[in-house]
Amino acid sequence: MTATQRWIPSRFGGIGRIARRAHREFRDNLTTGQRSALVACATFAATMTAVRGLTSAIHDRRLPLVRDISVSGVHIHHYLPGIALLTVAGAAGVRGSDRLSVHCLLGASYGAGCGLVVDELPLLLNLRDVYWSREGRWAPELGLTLVAVAGAYFSAIPFWQGLREELSALREQGAGSASAQK
């Protein structure tokens, strides 16, 4: 029994099969850098989605027990934990490690930190709270665009690799014919 089979039991049927295949592809076909970047992208998207959903629910008072976080009457915006996550990920990244789990953890920390900061970019740029105004609407749109572009890249990795190999072969062929003409 493989490690993947242990954490994704067969009783999940088709979903388990897809999850096992995704895990195998992630483990066997992506480099360490691609894995951590993919984890960062997925965590960024999940964080943006969760934060927008949670802040919307708090704003509309749909969660009676959850409120904005305040310290001594000062509202703590979610870009602050985002900056903390980015700082931790950066410090750990500077130290470096060859372990895959560290790369994925750094990717997740970086993606979550970016999601928290990007969601409040209009506030940081305008130095006033425009989160719920039309003026603050571009941040989630930017975030979704970044996720779409990164997702398109990652889903097309074999395409990009094949294209690179083809261009290299053409370059070598051109260099060979140029030297043959001399």
C-alpha atoms as a PDB file:
ATOM      1  CA  MET A   1       0.000   0.000   0.000  1.00  0.00           C
ATOM      2  CA  THR A   2       1.433   3.370  -1.023  1.00  0.00           C
ATOM      3  CA  ALA A   3       1.354   6.505   1.106  1.00  0.00           C
ATOM      4  CA  THR A   4      -1.262   7.955  -1.240  1.00  0.00           C
ATOM      5  CA  GLN A   5      -3.531   4.939  -0.772  1.00  0.00           C
ATOM      6  CA  ARG A   6      -3.220   5.270   3.012  1.00  0.00           C
ATOM      7  CA  TRP A   7      -4.442   8.855   3.162  1.00  0.00           C
ATOM      8  CA  ILE A   8      -7.009   8.576   0.346  1.00  0.00           C
ATOM      9  CA  PRO A   9      -8.914   5.317   1.014  1.00  0.00           C
ATOM     10  CA  SER A  10     -10.561   3.466  -1.868  1.00  0.00           C
ATOM     11  CA  ARG A  11     -13.997   3.837  -0.233  1.00  0.00           C
ATOM     12  CA  PHE A  12     -14.182   7.350  -1.700  1.00  0.00           C
ATOM     13  CA  GLY A  13     -14.728   5.787  -5.144  1.00  0.00           C
ATOM     14  CA  GLY A  14     -14.175   8.018  -8.188  1.00  0.00           C
ATOM     15  CA  ILE A  15     -13.220  11.055  -6.129  1.00  0.00           C
ATOM     16  CA  GLY A  16     -10.591   8.996  -4.300  1.00  0.00           C
ATOM     17  CA  ARG A  17      -9.272   7.715  -7.613  1.00  0.00           C
ATOM     18  CA  ILE A  18      -8.981  11.249  -8.980  1.00  0.00           C
ATOM     19  CA  ALA A  19      -7.329  12.445  -5.766  1.00  0.00           C
ATOM     20  CA  ARG A  20      -4.815   9.569  -5.869  1.00  0.00           C
ATOM     21  CA  ARG A  21      -4.010  10.356  -9.509  1.00  0.00           C
ATOM     22  CA  ALA A  22      -3.619  14.068  -8.745  1.00  0.00           C
ATOM     23  CA  HIS A  23      -1.305  13.240  -5.857  1.00  0.00           C
ATOM     24  CA  ARG A  24       0.750  10.885  -8.035  1.00  0.00           C
ATOM     25  CA  GLU A  25       1.025  13.512 -10.804  1.00  0.00           C
ATOM     26  CA  PHE A  26       1.943  16.179  -8.233  1.00  0.00           C
ATOM     27  CA  ARG A  27       4.601  13.931  -6.689  1.00  0.00           C
ATOM     28  CA  ASP A  28       6.065  12.408  -9.867  1.00  0.00           C
ATOM     29  CA  ASN A  29       5.748  15.039 -12.599  1.00  0.00           C
ATOM     30  CA  LEU A  30       6.309  18.419 -10.947  1.00  0.00           C
ATOM     31  CA  THR A  31       9.628  19.765  -9.795  1.00  0.00           C
ATOM     32  CA  THR A  32       9.989  21.013  -6.231  1.00  0.00           C
ATOM     33  CA  GLY A  33       9.680  24.602  -7.443  1.00  0.00           C
ATOM     34  CA  GLN A  34       6.566  23.821  -9.478  1.00  0.00           C
ATOM     35  CA  ARG A  35       5.000  22.050  -6.501  1.00  0.00           C
ATOM     36  CA  SER A  36       5.557  24.939  -4.129  1.00  0.00           C
ATOM     37  CA  ALA A  37       4.347  27.457  -6.739  1.00  0.00           C
ATOM     38  CA  LEU A  38       1.210  25.390  -7.379  1.00  0.00           C
ATOM     39  CA  VAL A  39       0.539  25.152  -3.634  1.00  0.00           C
ATOM     40  CA  ALA A  40       1.065  28.933  -3.345  1.00  0.00           C
ATOM     41  CA  CYS A  41      -1.375  29.575  -6.197  1.00  0.00           C
ATOM     42  CA  ALA A  42      -4.031  27.256  -4.766  1.00  0.00           C
ATOM     43  CA  THR A  43      -3.620  28.697  -1.273  1.00  0.00           C
ATOM     44  CA  PHE A  44      -3.815  32.232  -2.662  1.00  0.00           C
ATOM     45  CA  ALA A  45      -7.118  31.415  -4.377  1.00  0.00           C
ATOM     46  CA  ALA A  46      -8.525  29.641  -1.317  1.00  0.00           C
ATOM     47  CA  THR A  47      -7.485  32.494   0.987  1.00  0.00           C
ATOM     48  CA  MET A  48      -8.962  35.196  -1.260  1.00  0.00           C
ATOM     49  CA  THR A  49     -12.214  33.243  -1.519  1.00  0.00           C
ATOM     50  CA  ALA A  50     -12.421  32.468   2.206  1.00  0.00           C
ATOM     51  CA  VAL A  51     -11.532  36.005   3.303  1.00  0.00           C
ATOM     52  CA  ARG A  52     -14.038  37.614   0.942  1.00  0.00           C
ATOM     53  CA  GLY A  53     -16.724  35.184   2.104  1.00  0.00           C
ATOM     54  CA  LEU A  54     -15.943  35.663   5.785  1.00  0.00           C
ATOM     55  CA  THR A  55     -15.691  39.457   5.638  1.00  0.00           C
ATOM     56  CA  SER A  56     -18.924  39.604   3.645  1.00  0.00           C
ATOM     57  CA  ALA A  57     -20.673  37.446   6.242  1.00  0.00           C
ATOM     58  CA  ILE A  58     -19.321  39.622   9.076  1.00  0.00           C
ATOM     59  CA  HIS A  59     -20.272  42.818   7.225  1.00  0.00           C
ATOM     60  CA  ASP A  60     -23.828  41.547   6.594  1.00  0.00           C
ATOM     61  CA  ARG A  61     -24.068  40.209  10.183  1.00  0.00           C
ATOM     62  CA  ARG A  62     -24.774  36.657   8.998  1.00  0.00           C
ATOM     63  CA  LEU A  63     -22.380  35.228  11.605  1.00  0.00           C
ATOM     64  CA  PRO A  64     -23.715  36.399  14.975  1.00  0.00           C
ATOM     65  CA  LEU A  65     -20.751  35.113  17.014  1.00  0.00           C
ATOM     66  CA  VAL A  66     -18.016  36.396  14.679  1.00  0.00           C
ATOM     67  CA  ARG A  67     -17.002  40.042  14.682  1.00  0.00           C
ATOM     68  CA  ASP A  68     -14.199  42.200  13.323  1.00  0.00           C
ATOM     69  CA  ILE A  69     -10.986  41.841  15.284  1.00  0.00           C
ATOM     70  CA  SER A  70     -10.142  44.916  17.335  1.00  0.00           C
ATOM     71  CA  VAL A  71      -7.411  45.690  19.834  1.00  0.00           C
ATOM     72  CA  SER A  72      -8.082  48.627  22.181  1.00  0.00           C
ATOM     73  CA  GLY A  73     -10.806  49.820  19.816  1.00  0.00           C
ATOM     74  CA  VAL A  74      -8.541  49.705  16.737  1.00  0.00           C
ATOM     75  CA  HIS A  75      -9.719  47.463  13.880  1.00  0.00           C
ATOM     76  CA  ILE A  76      -7.084  44.935  12.801  1.00  0.00           C
ATOM     77  CA  HIS A  77      -7.205  44.583   9.025  1.00  0.00           C
ATOM     78  CA  HIS A  78      -6.374  41.189   7.540  1.00  0.00           C
ATOM     79  CA  TYR A  79      -3.393  42.498   5.606  1.00  0.00           C
ATOM     80  CA  LEU A  80      -1.463  42.503   8.923  1.00  0.00           C
ATOM     81  CA  PRO A  81      -1.505  38.692   9.367  1.00  0.00           C
ATOM     82  CA  GLY A  82      -0.771  38.552   5.622  1.00  0.00           C
ATOM     83  CA  ILE A  83       2.389  40.601   6.095  1.00  0.00           C
ATOM     84  CA  ALA A  84       3.359  38.350   9.024  1.00  0.00           C
ATOM     85  CA  LEU A  85       2.917  35.212   6.865  1.00  0.00           C
ATOM     86  CA  LEU A  86       4.961  36.757   4.050  1.00  0.00           C
ATOM     87  CA  THR A  87       7.700  37.673   6.533  1.00  0.00           C
ATOM     88  CA  VAL A  88       7.830  34.144   7.949  1.00  0.00           C
ATOM     89  CA  ALA A  89       7.816  32.578   4.471  1.00  0.00           C
ATOM     90  CA  GLY A  90      10.571  34.944   3.323  1.00  0.00           C
ATOM     91  CA  ALA A  91      12.739  34.307   6.368  1.00  0.00           C
ATOM     92  CA  ALA A  92      12.353  30.534   6.043  1.00  0.00           C
ATOM     93  CA  GLY A  93      12.991  30.754   2.289  1.00  0.00           C
ATOM     94  CA  VAL A  94      16.217  32.671   2.839  1.00  0.00           C
ATOM     95  CA  ARG A  95      17.385  29.940   5.208  1.00  0.00           C
ATOM     96  CA  GLY A  96      16.579  27.352   2.552  1.00  0.00           C
ATOM     97  CA  SER A  97      15.837  23.645   2.705  1.00  0.00           C
ATOM     98  CA  ASP A  98      15.855  20.682   0.363  1.00  0.00           C
ATOM     99  CA  ARG A  99      12.851  19.018   1.999  1.00  0.00           C
ATOM    100  CA  LEU A 100       9.696  18.994  -0.116  1.00  0.00           C
ATOM    101  CA  SER A 101       7.434  19.479   2.900  1.00  0.00           C
ATOM    102  CA  VAL A 102       9.232  22.727   3.702  1.00  0.00           C
ATOM    103  CA  HIS A 103       8.805  23.964   0.116  1.00  0.00           C
ATOM    104  CA  CYS A 104       5.065  23.198   0.152  1.00  0.00           C
ATOM    105  CA  LEU A 105       4.647  24.800   3.585  1.00  0.00           C
ATOM    106  CA  LEU A 106       6.466  27.913   2.363  1.00  0.00           C
ATOM    107  CA  GLY A 107       4.286  27.942  -0.754  1.00  0.00           C
ATOM    108  CA  ALA A 108       1.143  27.724   1.371  1.00  0.00           C
ATOM    109  CA  SER A 109       2.351  30.474   3.742  1.00  0.00           C
ATOM    110  CA  TYR A 110       3.321  32.693   0.834  1.00  0.00           C
ATOM    111  CA  GLY A 111       0.036  32.111  -1.017  1.00  0.00           C
ATOM    112  CA  ALA A 112      -2.094  32.785   2.067  1.00  0.00           C
ATOM    113  CA  GLY A 113      -0.080  35.890   2.948  1.00  0.00           C
ATOM    114  CA  CYS A 114      -0.380  37.237  -0.593  1.00  0.00           C
ATOM    115  CA  GLY A 115      -4.110  36.543  -0.599  1.00  0.00           C
ATOM    116  CA  LEU A 116      -4.612  38.491   2.635  1.00  0.00           C
ATOM    117  CA  VAL A 117      -2.538  41.445   1.427  1.00  0.00           C
ATOM    118  CA  VAL A 118      -3.885  41.576  -2.157  1.00  0.00           C
ATOM    119  CA  ASP A 119      -7.458  41.512  -0.837  1.00  0.00           C
ATOM    120  CA  GLU A 120      -6.768  44.788   0.986  1.00  0.00           C
ATOM    121  CA  LEU A 121      -4.520  46.493  -1.575  1.00  0.00           C
ATOM    122  CA  PRO A 122      -7.041  49.308  -2.212  1.00  0.00           C
ATOM    123  CA  LEU A 123      -6.914  50.151   1.497  1.00  0.00           C
ATOM    124  CA  LEU A 124      -3.122  50.182   1.488  1.00  0.00           C
ATOM    125  CA  LEU A 125      -2.909  52.308  -1.665  1.00  0.00           C
ATOM    126  CA  ASN A 126      -5.656  54.792  -0.755  1.00  0.00           C
ATOM    127  CA  LEU A 127      -4.878  54.921   2.970  1.00  0.00           C
ATOM    128  CA  ARG A 128      -8.598  54.782   3.672  1.00  0.00           C
ATOM    129  CA  ASP A 129     -11.052  51.931   3.956  1.00  0.00           C
ATOM    130  CA  VAL A 130     -12.560  51.392   0.489  1.00  0.00           C
ATOM    131  CA  TYR A 131     -13.096  47.639   0.972  1.00  0.00           C
ATOM    132  CA  TRP A 132     -16.865  47.738   0.352  1.00  0.00           C
ATOM    133  CA  SER A 133     -16.891  50.568  -2.190  1.00  0.00           C
ATOM    134  CA  ARG A 134     -16.729  50.390  -5.967  1.00  0.00           C
ATOM    135  CA  GLU A 135     -13.235  51.874  -5.710  1.00  0.00           C
ATOM    136  CA  GLY A 136     -12.038  48.810  -3.765  1.00  0.00           C
ATOM    137  CA  ARG A 137     -13.500  46.266  -6.171  1.00  0.00           C
ATOM    138  CA  TRP A 138     -10.375  45.845  -8.302  1.00  0.00           C
ATOM    139  CA  ALA A 139      -8.451  43.840  -5.653  1.00  0.00           C
ATOM    140  CA  PRO A 140     -10.505  40.629  -5.885  1.00  0.00           C
ATOM    141  CA  GLU A 141     -10.606  41.002  -9.659  1.00  0.00           C
ATOM    142  CA  LEU A 142      -6.809  41.272  -9.716  1.00  0.00           C
ATOM    143  CA  GLY A 143      -6.567  38.247  -7.445  1.00  0.00           C
ATOM    144  CA  LEU A 144      -8.840  36.155  -9.624  1.00  0.00           C
ATOM    145  CA  THR A 145      -6.888  37.210 -12.727  1.00  0.00           C
ATOM    146  CA  LEU A 146      -3.608  36.160 -11.100  1.00  0.00           C
ATOM    147  CA  VAL A 147      -5.090  32.783 -10.175  1.00  0.00           C
ATOM    148  CA  ALA A 148      -6.446  32.297 -13.705  1.00  0.00           C
ATOM    149  CA  VAL A 149      -3.091  33.100 -15.314  1.00  0.00           C
ATOM    150  CA  ALA A 150      -1.153  30.863 -12.917  1.00  0.00           C
ATOM    151  CA  GLY A 151      -3.722  28.085 -13.354  1.00  0.00           C
ATOM    152  CA  ALA A 152      -3.427  28.320 -17.121  1.00  0.00           C
ATOM    153  CA  TYR A 153       0.347  28.061 -16.845  1.00  0.00           C
ATOM    154  CA  PHE A 154       0.301  25.070 -14.509  1.00  0.00           C
ATOM    155  CA  SER A 155      -2.340  23.209 -16.494  1.00  0.00           C
ATOM    156  CA  ALA A 156      -0.246  23.651 -19.637  1.00  0.00           C
ATOM    157  CA  ILE A 157       3.174  22.673 -18.247  1.00  0.00           C
ATOM    158  CA  PRO A 158       3.559  19.747 -20.688  1.00  0.00           C
ATOM    159  CA  PHE A 159       2.709  22.131 -23.538  1.00  0.00           C
ATOM    160  CA  TRP A 160       5.350  24.663 -22.443  1.00  0.00           C
ATOM    161  CA  GLN A 161       7.936  21.912 -21.963  1.00  0.00           C
ATOM    162  CA  GLY A 162       7.189  20.460 -25.403  1.00  0.00           C
ATOM    163  CA  LEU A 163       7.387  23.904 -26.973  1.00  0.00           C
ATOM    164  CA  ARG A 164      10.727  24.567 -25.288  1.00  0.00           C
ATOM    165  CA  GLU A 165      12.107  21.226 -26.528  1.00  0.00           C
ATOM    166  CA  GLU A 166      10.869  21.957 -30.042  1.00  0.00           C
ATOM    167  CA  LEU A 167      12.455  25.422 -30.036  1.00  0.00           C
ATOM    168  CA  SER A 168      15.731  23.950 -28.772  1.00  0.00           C
ATOM    169  CA  ALA A 169      15.667  21.336 -31.541  1.00  0.00           C
ATOM    170  CA  LEU A 170      15.021  24.033 -34.151  1.00  0.00           C
ATOM    171  CA  ARG A 171      17.853  26.139 -32.755  1.00  0.00           C
ATOM    172  CA  GLU A 172      20.237  23.178 -32.871  1.00  0.00           C
ATOM    173  CA  GLN A 173      19.096  22.333 -36.383  1.00  0.00           C
ATOM    174  CA  GLY A 174      19.661  25.938 -37.479  1.00  0.00           C
ATOM    175  CA  ALA A 175      23.114  25.982 -35.885  1.00  0.00           C
ATOM    176  CA  GLY A 176      23.978  22.711 -37.603  1.00  0.00           C
ATOM    177  CA  SER A 177      22.929  23.908 -41.052  1.00  0.00           C
ATOM    178  CA  ALA A 178      24.750  27.245 -40.569  1.00  0.00           C
ATOM    179  CA  SER A 179      28.029  25.464 -39.746  1.00  0.00           C
ATOM    180  CA  ALA A 180      27.553  23.052 -42.683  1.00  0.00           C
ATOM    181  CA  GLN A 181      27.294  26.006 -45.098  1.00  0.00           C
ATOM    182  CA  LYS A 182      30.693  27.400 -43.993  1.00  0.00           C
END
